[in-house]
């Protein structure tokens, strides 16, 4: 229960809106959250050899799914990109930095929770 509470607290503090949480199943889902991401965080592909994320006209949304079971938190991100000049939806793949940062914050939060 501590890990589930810590996970919810961190997601909310980071700006995510929790859309569903089932404490019995240990599943937490968030709505899409608009963020400016960097090529270090996510791979959204390139156009003419230039990373889409280096262009300020690219926007991203991130949704997080969390599974809390057996004392372990597993995060899965769903990241979408949109490149305005070409009206192109981008399939983006996380490089793990978003998840690792959230997991670190969750671990810190869990230590604080009585």
PDB file of N, CA and C in Angstrom:
ATOM      1  N   UNK A   1       0.829  -1.208   0.000  1.00  0.00           N
ATOM      2  CA  UNK A   1       0.000   0.000   0.000  1.00  0.00           C
ATOM      3  C   UNK A   1       0.862   1.256   0.000  1.00  0.00           C
ATOM      4  N   UNK A   2       2.008   1.182   0.678  1.00  0.00           N
ATOM      5  CA  UNK A   2       2.911   2.333   0.737  1.00  0.00           C
ATOM      6  C   UNK A   2       3.415   2.686  -0.667  1.00  0.00           C
ATOM      7  N   UNK A   3       3.805   1.650  -1.422  1.00  0.00           N
ATOM      8  CA  UNK A   3       4.317   1.907  -2.769  1.00  0.00           C
ATOM      9  C   UNK A   3       3.236   2.481  -3.685  1.00  0.00           C
ATOM     10  N   UNK A   4       2.018   1.973  -3.562  1.00  0.00           N
ATOM     11  CA  UNK A   4       0.923   2.473  -4.393  1.00  0.00           C
ATOM     12  C   UNK A   4       0.639   3.940  -4.065  1.00  0.00           C
ATOM     13  N   UNK A   5       0.623   4.268  -2.773  1.00  0.00           N
ATOM     14  CA  UNK A   5       0.376   5.651  -2.351  1.00  0.00           C
ATOM     15  C   UNK A   5       1.504   6.558  -2.825  1.00  0.00           C
ATOM     16  N   UNK A   6       2.740   6.085  -2.696  1.00  0.00           N
ATOM     17  CA  UNK A   6       3.898   6.869  -3.125  1.00  0.00           C
ATOM     18  C   UNK A   6       3.844   7.098  -4.634  1.00  0.00           C
ATOM     19  N   UNK A   7       3.468   6.063  -5.379  1.00  0.00           N
ATOM     20  CA  UNK A   7       3.390   6.177  -6.839  1.00  0.00           C
ATOM     21  C   UNK A   7       2.352   7.215  -7.236  1.00  0.00           C
ATOM     22  N   UNK A   8       1.184   7.142  -6.627  1.00  0.00           N
ATOM     23  CA  UNK A   8       0.118   8.120  -6.934  1.00  0.00           C
ATOM     24  C   UNK A   8       0.569   9.536  -6.580  1.00  0.00           C
ATOM     25  N   UNK A   9       1.183   9.679  -5.403  1.00  0.00           N
ATOM     26  CA  UNK A   9       1.621  11.011  -4.952  1.00  0.00           C
ATOM     27  C   UNK A   9       2.623  11.609  -5.935  1.00  0.00           C
ATOM     28  N   UNK A  10       3.613  10.816  -6.350  1.00  0.00           N
ATOM     29  CA  UNK A  10       4.641  11.320  -7.265  1.00  0.00           C
ATOM     30  C   UNK A  10       4.024  11.684  -8.614  1.00  0.00           C
ATOM     31  N   UNK A  11       3.168  10.822  -9.152  1.00  0.00           N
ATOM     32  CA  UNK A  11       2.553  11.118 -10.452  1.00  0.00           C
ATOM     33  C   UNK A  11       1.794  12.434 -10.408  1.00  0.00           C
ATOM     34  N   UNK A  12       1.023  12.651  -9.331  1.00  0.00           N
ATOM     35  CA  UNK A  12       0.258  13.895  -9.205  1.00  0.00           C
ATOM     36  C   UNK A  12       1.205  15.093  -9.051  1.00  0.00           C
ATOM     37  N   UNK A  13       2.242  14.949  -8.228  1.00  0.00           N
ATOM     38  CA  UNK A  13       3.192  16.057  -8.020  1.00  0.00           C
ATOM     39  C   UNK A  13       3.932  16.405  -9.309  1.00  0.00           C
ATOM     40  N   UNK A  14       4.103  15.415 -10.189  1.00  0.00           N
ATOM     41  CA  UNK A  14       4.803  15.649 -11.455  1.00  0.00           C
ATOM     42  C   UNK A  14       3.862  16.189 -12.537  1.00  0.00           C
ATOM     43  N   UNK A  15       2.587  16.351 -12.220  1.00  0.00           N
ATOM     44  CA  UNK A  15       1.655  16.972 -13.160  1.00  0.00           C
ATOM     45  C   UNK A  15       0.732  16.017 -13.887  1.00  0.00           C
ATOM     46  N   UNK A  16       0.840  14.725 -13.589  1.00  0.00           N
ATOM     47  CA  UNK A  16      -0.037  13.746 -14.246  1.00  0.00           C
ATOM     48  C   UNK A  16      -1.385  13.710 -13.546  1.00  0.00           C
ATOM     49  N   UNK A  17      -2.432  13.484 -14.324  1.00  0.00           N
ATOM     50  CA  UNK A  17      -3.774  13.338 -13.768  1.00  0.00           C
ATOM     51  C   UNK A  17      -4.101  11.850 -13.755  1.00  0.00           C
ATOM     52  N   UNK A  18      -4.354  11.320 -12.569  1.00  0.00           N
ATOM     53  CA  UNK A  18      -4.675   9.896 -12.459  1.00  0.00           C
ATOM     54  C   UNK A  18      -6.106   9.677 -12.924  1.00  0.00           C
ATOM     55  N   UNK A  19      -6.278   8.807 -13.902  1.00  0.00           N
ATOM     56  CA  UNK A  19      -7.608   8.529 -14.457  1.00  0.00           C
ATOM     57  C   UNK A  19      -8.212   7.260 -13.873  1.00  0.00           C
ATOM     58  N   UNK A  20      -7.361   6.348 -13.421  1.00  0.00           N
ATOM     59  CA  UNK A  20      -7.850   5.106 -12.827  1.00  0.00           C
ATOM     60  C   UNK A  20      -6.811   4.566 -11.865  1.00  0.00           C
ATOM     61  N   UNK A  21      -7.287   4.041 -10.745  1.00  0.00           N
ATOM     62  CA  UNK A  21      -6.393   3.412  -9.778  1.00  0.00           C
ATOM     63  C   UNK A  21      -7.154   2.276  -9.104  1.00  0.00           C
ATOM     64  N   UNK A  22      -6.628   1.085  -9.227  1.00  0.00           N
ATOM     65  CA  UNK A  22      -7.225  -0.093  -8.610  1.00  0.00           C
ATOM     66  C   UNK A  22      -6.200  -0.652  -7.630  1.00  0.00           C
ATOM     67  N   UNK A  23      -6.406  -0.361  -6.349  1.00  0.00           N
ATOM     68  CA  UNK A  23      -5.424  -0.768  -5.348  1.00  0.00           C
ATOM     69  C   UNK A  23      -5.350  -2.281  -5.200  1.00  0.00           C
ATOM     70  N   UNK A  24      -6.465  -2.976  -5.421  1.00  0.00           N
ATOM     71  CA  UNK A  24      -6.470  -4.433  -5.303  1.00  0.00           C
ATOM     72  C   UNK A  24      -5.630  -5.051  -6.417  1.00  0.00           C
ATOM     73  N   UNK A  25      -5.846  -4.573  -7.651  1.00  0.00           N
ATOM     74  CA  UNK A  25      -5.076  -5.090  -8.792  1.00  0.00           C
ATOM     75  C   UNK A  25      -3.692  -4.471  -8.866  1.00  0.00           C
ATOM     76  N   UNK A  26      -3.492  -3.347  -8.173  1.00  0.00           N
ATOM     77  CA  UNK A  26      -2.194  -2.683  -8.178  1.00  0.00           C
ATOM     78  C   UNK A  26      -1.908  -1.936  -9.466  1.00  0.00           C
ATOM     79  N   UNK A  27      -2.960  -1.413 -10.103  1.00  0.00           N
ATOM     80  CA  UNK A  27      -2.802  -0.746 -11.395  1.00  0.00           C
ATOM     81  C   UNK A  27      -3.191   0.730 -11.276  1.00  0.00           C
ATOM     82  N   UNK A  28      -2.351   1.598 -11.842  1.00  0.00           N
ATOM     83  CA  UNK A  28      -2.607   3.047 -11.851  1.00  0.00           C
ATOM     84  C   UNK A  28      -2.405   3.538 -13.277  1.00  0.00           C
ATOM     85  N   UNK A  29      -3.350   4.336 -13.779  1.00  0.00           N
ATOM     86  CA  UNK A  29      -3.234   4.895 -15.128  1.00  0.00           C
ATOM     87  C   UNK A  29      -3.388   6.400 -15.063  1.00  0.00           C
ATOM     88  N   UNK A  30      -2.698   7.097 -15.985  1.00  0.00           N
ATOM     89  CA  UNK A  30      -2.826   8.552 -16.045  1.00  0.00           C
ATOM     90  C   UNK A  30      -3.338   8.981 -17.425  1.00  0.00           C
ATOM     91  N   UNK A  31      -3.848  10.196 -17.460  1.00  0.00           N
ATOM     92  CA  UNK A  31      -4.238  10.817 -18.725  1.00  0.00           C
ATOM     93  C   UNK A  31      -2.968  11.269 -19.436  1.00  0.00           C
ATOM     94  N   UNK A  32      -3.097  11.582 -20.728  1.00  0.00           N
ATOM     95  CA  UNK A  32      -1.972  12.141 -21.473  1.00  0.00           C
ATOM     96  C   UNK A  32      -1.621  13.500 -20.882  1.00  0.00           C
ATOM     97  N   UNK A  33      -0.327  13.769 -20.790  1.00  0.00           N
ATOM     98  CA  UNK A  33       0.164  15.001 -20.187  1.00  0.00           C
ATOM     99  C   UNK A  33       1.170  15.623 -21.151  1.00  0.00           C
ATOM    100  N   UNK A  34       0.900  16.840 -21.589  1.00  0.00           N
ATOM    101  CA  UNK A  34       1.775  17.514 -22.557  1.00  0.00           C
ATOM    102  C   UNK A  34       3.089  17.892 -21.883  1.00  0.00           C
ATOM    103  N   UNK A  35       4.196  17.534 -22.527  1.00  0.00           N
ATOM    104  CA  UNK A  35       5.522  17.835 -22.006  1.00  0.00           C
ATOM    105  C   UNK A  35       6.452  18.146 -23.159  1.00  0.00           C
ATOM    106  N   UNK A  36       7.473  18.943 -22.876  1.00  0.00           N
ATOM    107  CA  UNK A  36       8.538  19.174 -23.848  1.00  0.00           C
ATOM    108  C   UNK A  36       9.619  18.157 -23.537  1.00  0.00           C
ATOM    109  N   UNK A  37       9.858  17.265 -24.482  1.00  0.00           N
ATOM    110  CA  UNK A  37      10.837  16.209 -24.263  1.00  0.00           C
ATOM    111  C   UNK A  37      12.072  16.440 -25.122  1.00  0.00           C
ATOM    112  N   UNK A  38      13.175  15.836 -24.693  1.00  0.00           N
ATOM    113  CA  UNK A  38      14.436  15.986 -25.422  1.00  0.00           C
ATOM    114  C   UNK A  38      14.807  14.664 -26.088  1.00  0.00           C
ATOM    115  N   UNK A  39      15.699  14.715 -27.087  1.00  0.00           N
ATOM    116  CA  UNK A  39      16.168  13.477 -27.728  1.00  0.00           C
ATOM    117  C   UNK A  39      16.815  12.511 -26.729  1.00  0.00           C
ATOM    118  N   UNK A  40      17.313  13.022 -25.605  1.00  0.00           N
ATOM    119  CA  UNK A  40      17.909  12.141 -24.594  1.00  0.00           C
ATOM    120  C   UNK A  40      16.837  11.312 -23.889  1.00  0.00           C
ATOM    121  N   UNK A  41      15.607  11.828 -23.846  1.00  0.00           N
ATOM    122  CA  UNK A  41      14.525  11.149 -23.138  1.00  0.00           C
ATOM    123  C   UNK A  41      13.734  10.197 -24.021  1.00  0.00           C
ATOM    124  N   UNK A  42      13.630  10.554 -25.320  1.00  0.00           N
ATOM    125  CA  UNK A  42      12.723   9.801 -26.181  1.00  0.00           C
ATOM    126  C   UNK A  42      13.193   9.868 -27.633  1.00  0.00           C
ATOM    127  N   UNK A  43      12.895   8.826 -28.381  1.00  0.00           N
ATOM    128  CA  UNK A  43      13.228   8.784 -29.811  1.00  0.00           C
ATOM    129  C   UNK A  43      11.935   8.902 -30.600  1.00  0.00           C
ATOM    130  N   UNK A  44      11.784  10.014 -31.293  1.00  0.00           N
ATOM    131  CA  UNK A  44      10.593  10.235 -32.123  1.00  0.00           C
ATOM    132  C   UNK A  44      10.929  10.227 -33.615  1.00  0.00           C
ATOM    133  N   UNK A  45      12.153   9.840 -33.924  1.00  0.00           N
ATOM    134  CA  UNK A  45      12.551   9.780 -35.325  1.00  0.00           C
ATOM    135  C   UNK A  45      13.150  11.084 -35.826  1.00  0.00           C
ATOM    136  N   UNK A  46      13.450  11.098 -37.144  1.00  0.00           N
ATOM    137  CA  UNK A  46      14.086  12.266 -37.742  1.00  0.00           C
ATOM    138  C   UNK A  46      13.412  12.624 -39.059  1.00  0.00           C
ATOM    139  N   UNK A  47      13.606  13.856 -39.480  1.00  0.00           N
ATOM    140  CA  UNK A  47      13.182  14.295 -40.798  1.00  0.00           C
ATOM    141  C   UNK A  47      14.405  14.920 -41.459  1.00  0.00           C
ATOM    142  N   UNK A  48      14.753  14.450 -42.607  1.00  0.00           N
ATOM    143  CA  UNK A  48      15.949  14.902 -43.313  1.00  0.00           C
ATOM    144  C   UNK A  48      17.180  14.837 -42.406  1.00  0.00           C
ATOM    145  N   UNK A  49      17.239  13.800 -41.574  1.00  0.00           N
ATOM    146  CA  UNK A  49      18.388  13.604 -40.713  1.00  0.00           C
ATOM    147  C   UNK A  49      18.417  14.449 -39.447  1.00  0.00           C
ATOM    148  N   UNK A  50      17.394  15.257 -39.227  1.00  0.00           N
ATOM    149  CA  UNK A  50      17.339  16.112 -38.038  1.00  0.00           C
ATOM    150  C   UNK A  50      16.286  15.555 -37.083  1.00  0.00           C
ATOM    151  N   UNK A  51      16.668  15.415 -35.823  1.00  0.00           N
ATOM    152  CA  UNK A  51      15.755  14.881 -34.824  1.00  0.00           C
ATOM    153  C   UNK A  51      14.533  15.792 -34.696  1.00  0.00           C
ATOM    154  N   UNK A  52      13.339  15.200 -34.778  1.00  0.00           N
ATOM    155  CA  UNK A  52      12.102  15.987 -34.640  1.00  0.00           C
ATOM    156  C   UNK A  52      12.081  16.786 -33.339  1.00  0.00           C
ATOM    157  N   UNK A  53      12.637  16.223 -32.274  1.00  0.00           N
ATOM    158  CA  UNK A  53      12.561  16.880 -30.970  1.00  0.00           C
ATOM    159  C   UNK A  53      13.442  18.117 -30.871  1.00  0.00           C
ATOM    160  N   UNK A  54      14.358  18.303 -31.812  1.00  0.00           N
ATOM    161  CA  UNK A  54      15.188  19.514 -31.810  1.00  0.00           C
ATOM    162  C   UNK A  54      14.432  20.700 -32.421  1.00  0.00           C
ATOM    163  N   UNK A  55      13.243  20.417 -32.961  1.00  0.00           N
ATOM    164  CA  UNK A  55      12.404  21.464 -33.562  1.00  0.00           C
ATOM    165  C   UNK A  55      11.340  21.868 -32.539  1.00  0.00           C
ATOM    166  N   UNK A  56      11.261  23.170 -32.242  1.00  0.00           N
ATOM    167  CA  UNK A  56      10.303  23.656 -31.243  1.00  0.00           C
ATOM    168  C   UNK A  56       8.850  23.450 -31.651  1.00  0.00           C
ATOM    169  N   UNK A  57       8.632  23.103 -32.909  1.00  0.00           N
ATOM    170  CA  UNK A  57       7.256  22.894 -33.363  1.00  0.00           C
ATOM    171  C   UNK A  57       6.779  21.464 -33.123  1.00  0.00           C
ATOM    172  N   UNK A  58       7.618  20.669 -32.476  1.00  0.00           N
ATOM    173  CA  UNK A  58       7.230  19.310 -32.105  1.00  0.00           C
ATOM    174  C   UNK A  58       6.694  19.326 -30.680  1.00  0.00           C
ATOM    175  N   UNK A  59       5.550  18.699 -30.478  1.00  0.00           N
ATOM    176  CA  UNK A  59       4.961  18.590 -29.138  1.00  0.00           C
ATOM    177  C   UNK A  59       4.830  17.116 -28.772  1.00  0.00           C
ATOM    178  N   UNK A  60       4.788  16.852 -27.474  1.00  0.00           N
ATOM    179  CA  UNK A  60       4.667  15.486 -26.985  1.00  0.00           C
ATOM    180  C   UNK A  60       3.618  15.388 -25.901  1.00  0.00           C
ATOM    181  N   UNK A  61       3.020  14.212 -25.795  1.00  0.00           N
ATOM    182  CA  UNK A  61       2.208  13.884 -24.630  1.00  0.00           C
ATOM    183  C   UNK A  61       2.725  12.567 -24.067  1.00  0.00           C
ATOM    184  N   UNK A  62       2.624  12.444 -22.749  1.00  0.00           N
ATOM    185  CA  UNK A  62       3.073  11.237 -22.069  1.00  0.00           C
ATOM    186  C   UNK A  62       1.950  10.769 -21.150  1.00  0.00           C
ATOM    187  N   UNK A  63       1.604   9.501 -21.255  1.00  0.00           N
ATOM    188  CA  UNK A  63       0.692   8.867 -20.310  1.00  0.00           C
ATOM    189  C   UNK A  63       1.488   7.774 -19.616  1.00  0.00           C
ATOM    190  N   UNK A  64       1.185   7.557 -18.325  1.00  0.00           N
ATOM    191  CA  UNK A  64       1.922   6.560 -17.554  1.00  0.00           C
ATOM    192  C   UNK A  64       0.971   5.502 -17.031  1.00  0.00           C
ATOM    193  N   UNK A  65       1.399   4.258 -17.174  1.00  0.00           N
ATOM    194  CA  UNK A  65       0.696   3.144 -16.545  1.00  0.00           C
ATOM    195  C   UNK A  65       1.649   2.557 -15.524  1.00  0.00           C
ATOM    196  N   UNK A  66       1.146   2.316 -14.316  1.00  0.00           N
ATOM    197  CA  UNK A  66       1.983   1.759 -13.258  1.00  0.00           C
ATOM    198  C   UNK A  66       1.353   0.481 -12.724  1.00  0.00           C
ATOM    199  N   UNK A  67       2.194  -0.506 -12.483  1.00  0.00           N
ATOM    200  CA  UNK A  67       1.762  -1.737 -11.835  1.00  0.00           C
ATOM    201  C   UNK A  67       2.569  -1.861 -10.551  1.00  0.00           C
ATOM    202  N   UNK A  68       1.856  -1.980  -9.436  1.00  0.00           N
ATOM    203  CA  UNK A  68       2.507  -2.116  -8.137  1.00  0.00           C
ATOM    204  C   UNK A  68       2.173  -3.513  -7.620  1.00  0.00           C
ATOM    205  N   UNK A  69       3.184  -4.392  -7.580  1.00  0.00           N
ATOM    206  CA  UNK A  69       2.957  -5.768  -7.134  1.00  0.00           C
ATOM    207  C   UNK A  69       4.215  -6.314  -6.477  1.00  0.00           C
ATOM    208  N   UNK A  70       4.035  -7.050  -5.415  1.00  0.00           N
ATOM    209  CA  UNK A  70       5.145  -7.727  -4.732  1.00  0.00           C
ATOM    210  C   UNK A  70       6.291  -6.771  -4.398  1.00  0.00           C
ATOM    211  N   UNK A  71       5.963  -5.566  -3.969  1.00  0.00           N
ATOM    212  CA  UNK A  71       6.986  -4.614  -3.554  1.00  0.00           C
ATOM    213  C   UNK A  71       7.775  -3.995  -4.689  1.00  0.00           C
ATOM    214  N   UNK A  72       7.263  -4.123  -5.922  1.00  0.00           N
ATOM    215  CA  UNK A  72       7.955  -3.577  -7.087  1.00  0.00           C
ATOM    216  C   UNK A  72       7.000  -2.680  -7.873  1.00  0.00           C
ATOM    217  N   UNK A  73       7.502  -1.537  -8.325  1.00  0.00           N
ATOM    218  CA  UNK A  73       6.724  -0.644  -9.184  1.00  0.00           C
ATOM    219  C   UNK A  73       7.273  -0.774 -10.604  1.00  0.00           C
ATOM    220  N   UNK A  74       6.389  -1.088 -11.536  1.00  0.00           N
ATOM    221  CA  UNK A  74       6.777  -1.163 -12.945  1.00  0.00           C
ATOM    222  C   UNK A  74       6.034  -0.058 -13.685  1.00  0.00           C
ATOM    223  N   UNK A  75       6.766   0.763 -14.430  1.00  0.00           N
ATOM    224  CA  UNK A  75       6.152   1.863 -15.171  1.00  0.00           C
ATOM    225  C   UNK A  75       6.238   1.597 -16.665  1.00  0.00           C
ATOM    226  N   UNK A  76       5.170   1.947 -17.364  1.00  0.00           N
ATOM    227  CA  UNK A  76       5.156   1.871 -18.825  1.00  0.00           C
ATOM    228  C   UNK A  76       4.635   3.218 -19.309  1.00  0.00           C
ATOM    229  N   UNK A  77       5.417   3.866 -20.160  1.00  0.00           N
ATOM    230  CA  UNK A  77       4.975   5.146 -20.702  1.00  0.00           C
ATOM    231  C   UNK A  77       4.432   4.960 -22.107  1.00  0.00           C
ATOM    232  N   UNK A  78       3.442   5.769 -22.423  1.00  0.00           N
ATOM    233  CA  UNK A  78       2.916   5.833 -23.780  1.00  0.00           C
ATOM    234  C   UNK A  78       3.181   7.257 -24.260  1.00  0.00           C
ATOM    235  N   UNK A  79       4.090   7.401 -25.226  1.00  0.00           N
ATOM    236  CA  UNK A  79       4.535   8.726 -25.650  1.00  0.00           C
ATOM    237  C   UNK A  79       4.132   8.971 -27.090  1.00  0.00           C
ATOM    238  N   UNK A  80       3.468  10.093 -27.306  1.00  0.00           N
ATOM    239  CA  UNK A  80       3.078  10.479 -28.656  1.00  0.00           C
ATOM    240  C   UNK A  80       3.747  11.795 -28.999  1.00  0.00           C
ATOM    241  N   UNK A  81       4.081  11.948 -30.266  1.00  0.00           N
ATOM    242  CA  UNK A  81       4.659  13.193 -30.738  1.00  0.00           C
ATOM    243  C   UNK A  81       3.825  13.730 -31.883  1.00  0.00           C
ATOM    244  N   UNK A  82       3.883  15.038 -32.057  1.00  0.00           N
ATOM    245  CA  UNK A  82       3.166  15.671 -33.160  1.00  0.00           C
ATOM    246  C   UNK A  82       4.063  16.766 -33.733  1.00  0.00           C
ATOM    247  N   UNK A  83       4.312  16.680 -35.038  1.00  0.00           N
ATOM    248  CA  UNK A  83       5.151  17.671 -35.712  1.00  0.00           C
ATOM    249  C   UNK A  83       4.237  18.558 -36.542  1.00  0.00           C
ATOM    250  N   UNK A  84       4.018  19.789 -36.066  1.00  0.00           N
ATOM    251  CA  UNK A  84       3.035  20.697 -36.651  1.00  0.00           C
ATOM    252  C   UNK A  84       3.261  21.033 -38.132  1.00  0.00           C
ATOM    253  N   UNK A  85       4.488  21.368 -38.568  1.00  0.00           N
ATOM    254  CA  UNK A  85       4.653  21.782 -39.970  1.00  0.00           C
ATOM    255  C   UNK A  85       4.198  20.730 -40.996  1.00  0.00           C
ATOM    256  N   UNK A  86       4.353  19.462 -40.649  1.00  0.00           N
ATOM    257  CA  UNK A  86       3.937  18.415 -41.579  1.00  0.00           C
ATOM    258  C   UNK A  86       2.647  17.743 -41.133  1.00  0.00           C
ATOM    259  N   UNK A  87       2.046  18.253 -40.049  1.00  0.00           N
ATOM    260  CA  UNK A  87       0.850  17.644 -39.456  1.00  0.00           C
ATOM    261  C   UNK A  87       1.050  16.134 -39.313  1.00  0.00           C
ATOM    262  N   UNK A  88       2.204  15.780 -38.770  1.00  0.00           N
ATOM    263  CA  UNK A  88       2.603  14.381 -38.674  1.00  0.00           C
ATOM    264  C   UNK A  88       2.541  13.888 -37.233  1.00  0.00           C
ATOM    265  N   UNK A  89       1.871  12.765 -37.038  1.00  0.00           N
ATOM    266  CA  UNK A  89       1.883  12.113 -35.731  1.00  0.00           C
ATOM    267  C   UNK A  89       3.104  11.207 -35.682  1.00  0.00           C
ATOM    268  N   UNK A  90       3.867  11.305 -34.607  1.00  0.00           N
ATOM    269  CA  UNK A  90       5.119  10.571 -34.485  1.00  0.00           C
ATOM    270  C   UNK A  90       4.976   9.444 -33.481  1.00  0.00           C
ATOM    271  N   UNK A  91       5.484   8.293 -33.843  1.00  0.00           N
ATOM    272  CA  UNK A  91       5.564   7.193 -32.891  1.00  0.00           C
ATOM    273  C   UNK A  91       6.850   7.361 -32.115  1.00  0.00           C
ATOM    274  N   UNK A  92       6.734   7.560 -30.834  1.00  0.00           N
ATOM    275  CA  UNK A  92       7.927   7.836 -30.024  1.00  0.00           C
ATOM    276  C   UNK A  92       8.212   6.672 -29.080  1.00  0.00           C
ATOM    277  N   UNK A  93       9.490   6.438 -28.859  1.00  0.00           N
ATOM    278  CA  UNK A  93       9.926   5.361 -27.981  1.00  0.00           C
ATOM    279  C   UNK A  93      10.755   5.957 -26.849  1.00  0.00           C
ATOM    280  N   UNK A  94      10.365   5.641 -25.632  1.00  0.00           N
ATOM    281  CA  UNK A  94      11.090   6.139 -24.462  1.00  0.00           C
ATOM    282  C   UNK A  94      12.480   5.522 -24.395  1.00  0.00           C
ATOM    283  N   UNK A  95      13.430   6.322 -23.921  1.00  0.00           N
ATOM    284  CA  UNK A  95      14.785   5.806 -23.694  1.00  0.00           C
ATOM    285  C   UNK A  95      14.961   5.384 -22.226  1.00  0.00           C
ATOM    286  N   UNK A  96      13.908   5.496 -21.433  1.00  0.00           N
ATOM    287  CA  UNK A  96      13.940   5.048 -20.042  1.00  0.00           C
ATOM    288  C   UNK A  96      14.216   6.125 -19.018  1.00  0.00           C
ATOM    289  N   UNK A  97      14.616   7.315 -19.461  1.00  0.00           N
ATOM    290  CA  UNK A  97      14.979   8.356 -18.497  1.00  0.00           C
ATOM    291  C   UNK A  97      13.759   8.868 -17.722  1.00  0.00           C
ATOM    292  N   UNK A  98      12.606   8.971 -18.383  1.00  0.00           N
ATOM    293  CA  UNK A  98      11.390   9.445 -17.707  1.00  0.00           C
ATOM    294  C   UNK A  98      11.008   8.445 -16.612  1.00  0.00           C
ATOM    295  N   UNK A  99      10.972   7.158 -16.975  1.00  0.00           N
ATOM    296  CA  UNK A  99      10.597   6.125 -16.021  1.00  0.00           C
ATOM    297  C   UNK A  99      11.578   6.056 -14.856  1.00  0.00           C
ATOM    298  N   UNK A 100      12.875   6.110 -15.168  1.00  0.00           N
ATOM    299  CA  UNK A 100      13.888   6.027 -14.108  1.00  0.00           C
ATOM    300  C   UNK A 100      13.794   7.195 -13.141  1.00  0.00           C
ATOM    301  N   UNK A 101      13.535   8.396 -13.676  1.00  0.00           N
ATOM    302  CA  UNK A 101      13.392   9.571 -12.794  1.00  0.00           C
ATOM    303  C   UNK A 101      12.171   9.412 -11.896  1.00  0.00           C
ATOM    304  N   UNK A 102      11.046   8.963 -12.478  1.00  0.00           N
ATOM    305  CA  UNK A 102       9.829   8.763 -11.680  1.00  0.00           C
ATOM    306  C   UNK A 102      10.043   7.681 -10.624  1.00  0.00           C
ATOM    307  N   UNK A 103      10.717   6.586 -10.987  1.00  0.00           N
ATOM    308  CA  UNK A 103      10.963   5.508 -10.020  1.00  0.00           C
ATOM    309  C   UNK A 103      11.831   5.988  -8.866  1.00  0.00           C
ATOM    310  N   UNK A 104      12.805   6.853  -9.168  1.00  0.00           N
ATOM    311  CA  UNK A 104      13.642   7.408  -8.107  1.00  0.00           C
ATOM    312  C   UNK A 104      12.813   8.260  -7.149  1.00  0.00           C
ATOM    313  N   UNK A 105      11.938   9.087  -7.720  1.00  0.00           N
ATOM    314  CA  UNK A 105      11.060   9.931  -6.894  1.00  0.00           C
ATOM    315  C   UNK A 105      10.099   9.080  -6.070  1.00  0.00           C
ATOM    316  N   UNK A 106       9.595   7.993  -6.662  1.00  0.00           N
ATOM    317  CA  UNK A 106       8.678   7.098  -5.938  1.00  0.00           C
ATOM    318  C   UNK A 106       9.412   6.436  -4.764  1.00  0.00           C
ATOM    319  N   UNK A 107      10.637   6.006  -4.979  1.00  0.00           N
ATOM    320  CA  UNK A 107      11.430   5.381  -3.907  1.00  0.00           C
ATOM    321  C   UNK A 107      11.643   6.377  -2.760  1.00  0.00           C
ATOM    322  N   UNK A 108      11.955   7.632  -3.099  1.00  0.00           N
ATOM    323  CA  UNK A 108      12.149   8.665  -2.082  1.00  0.00           C
ATOM    324  C   UNK A 108      10.848   8.914  -1.315  1.00  0.00           C
ATOM    325  N   UNK A 109       9.740   8.990  -2.062  1.00  0.00           N
ATOM    326  CA  UNK A 109       8.430   9.247  -1.449  1.00  0.00           C
ATOM    327  C   UNK A 109       8.031   8.080  -0.532  1.00  0.00           C
ATOM    328  N   UNK A 110       8.317   6.864  -0.948  1.00  0.00           N
ATOM    329  CA  UNK A 110       7.947   5.685  -0.148  1.00  0.00           C
ATOM    330  C   UNK A 110       8.666   5.682   1.191  1.00  0.00           C
ATOM    331  N   UNK A 111       9.914   6.189   1.215  1.00  0.00           N
ATOM    332  CA  UNK A 111      10.675   6.250   2.456  1.00  0.00           C
ATOM    333  C   UNK A 111      10.052   7.247   3.439  1.00  0.00           C
ATOM    334  N   UNK A 112       9.406   8.288   2.896  1.00  0.00           N
ATOM    335  CA  UNK A 112       8.802   9.332   3.729  1.00  0.00           C
ATOM    336  C   UNK A 112       7.457   8.891   4.289  1.00  0.00           C
ATOM    337  N   UNK A 113       6.790   7.958   3.593  1.00  0.00           N
ATOM    338  CA  UNK A 113       5.443   7.551   3.977  1.00  0.00           C
ATOM    339  C   UNK A 113       5.509   6.622   5.182  1.00  0.00           C
ATOM    340  N   UNK A 114       4.779   6.972   6.242  1.00  0.00           N
ATOM    341  CA  UNK A 114       4.809   6.148   7.462  1.00  0.00           C
ATOM    342  C   UNK A 114       4.150   4.779   7.244  1.00  0.00           C
TER     343      UNK A 114
END
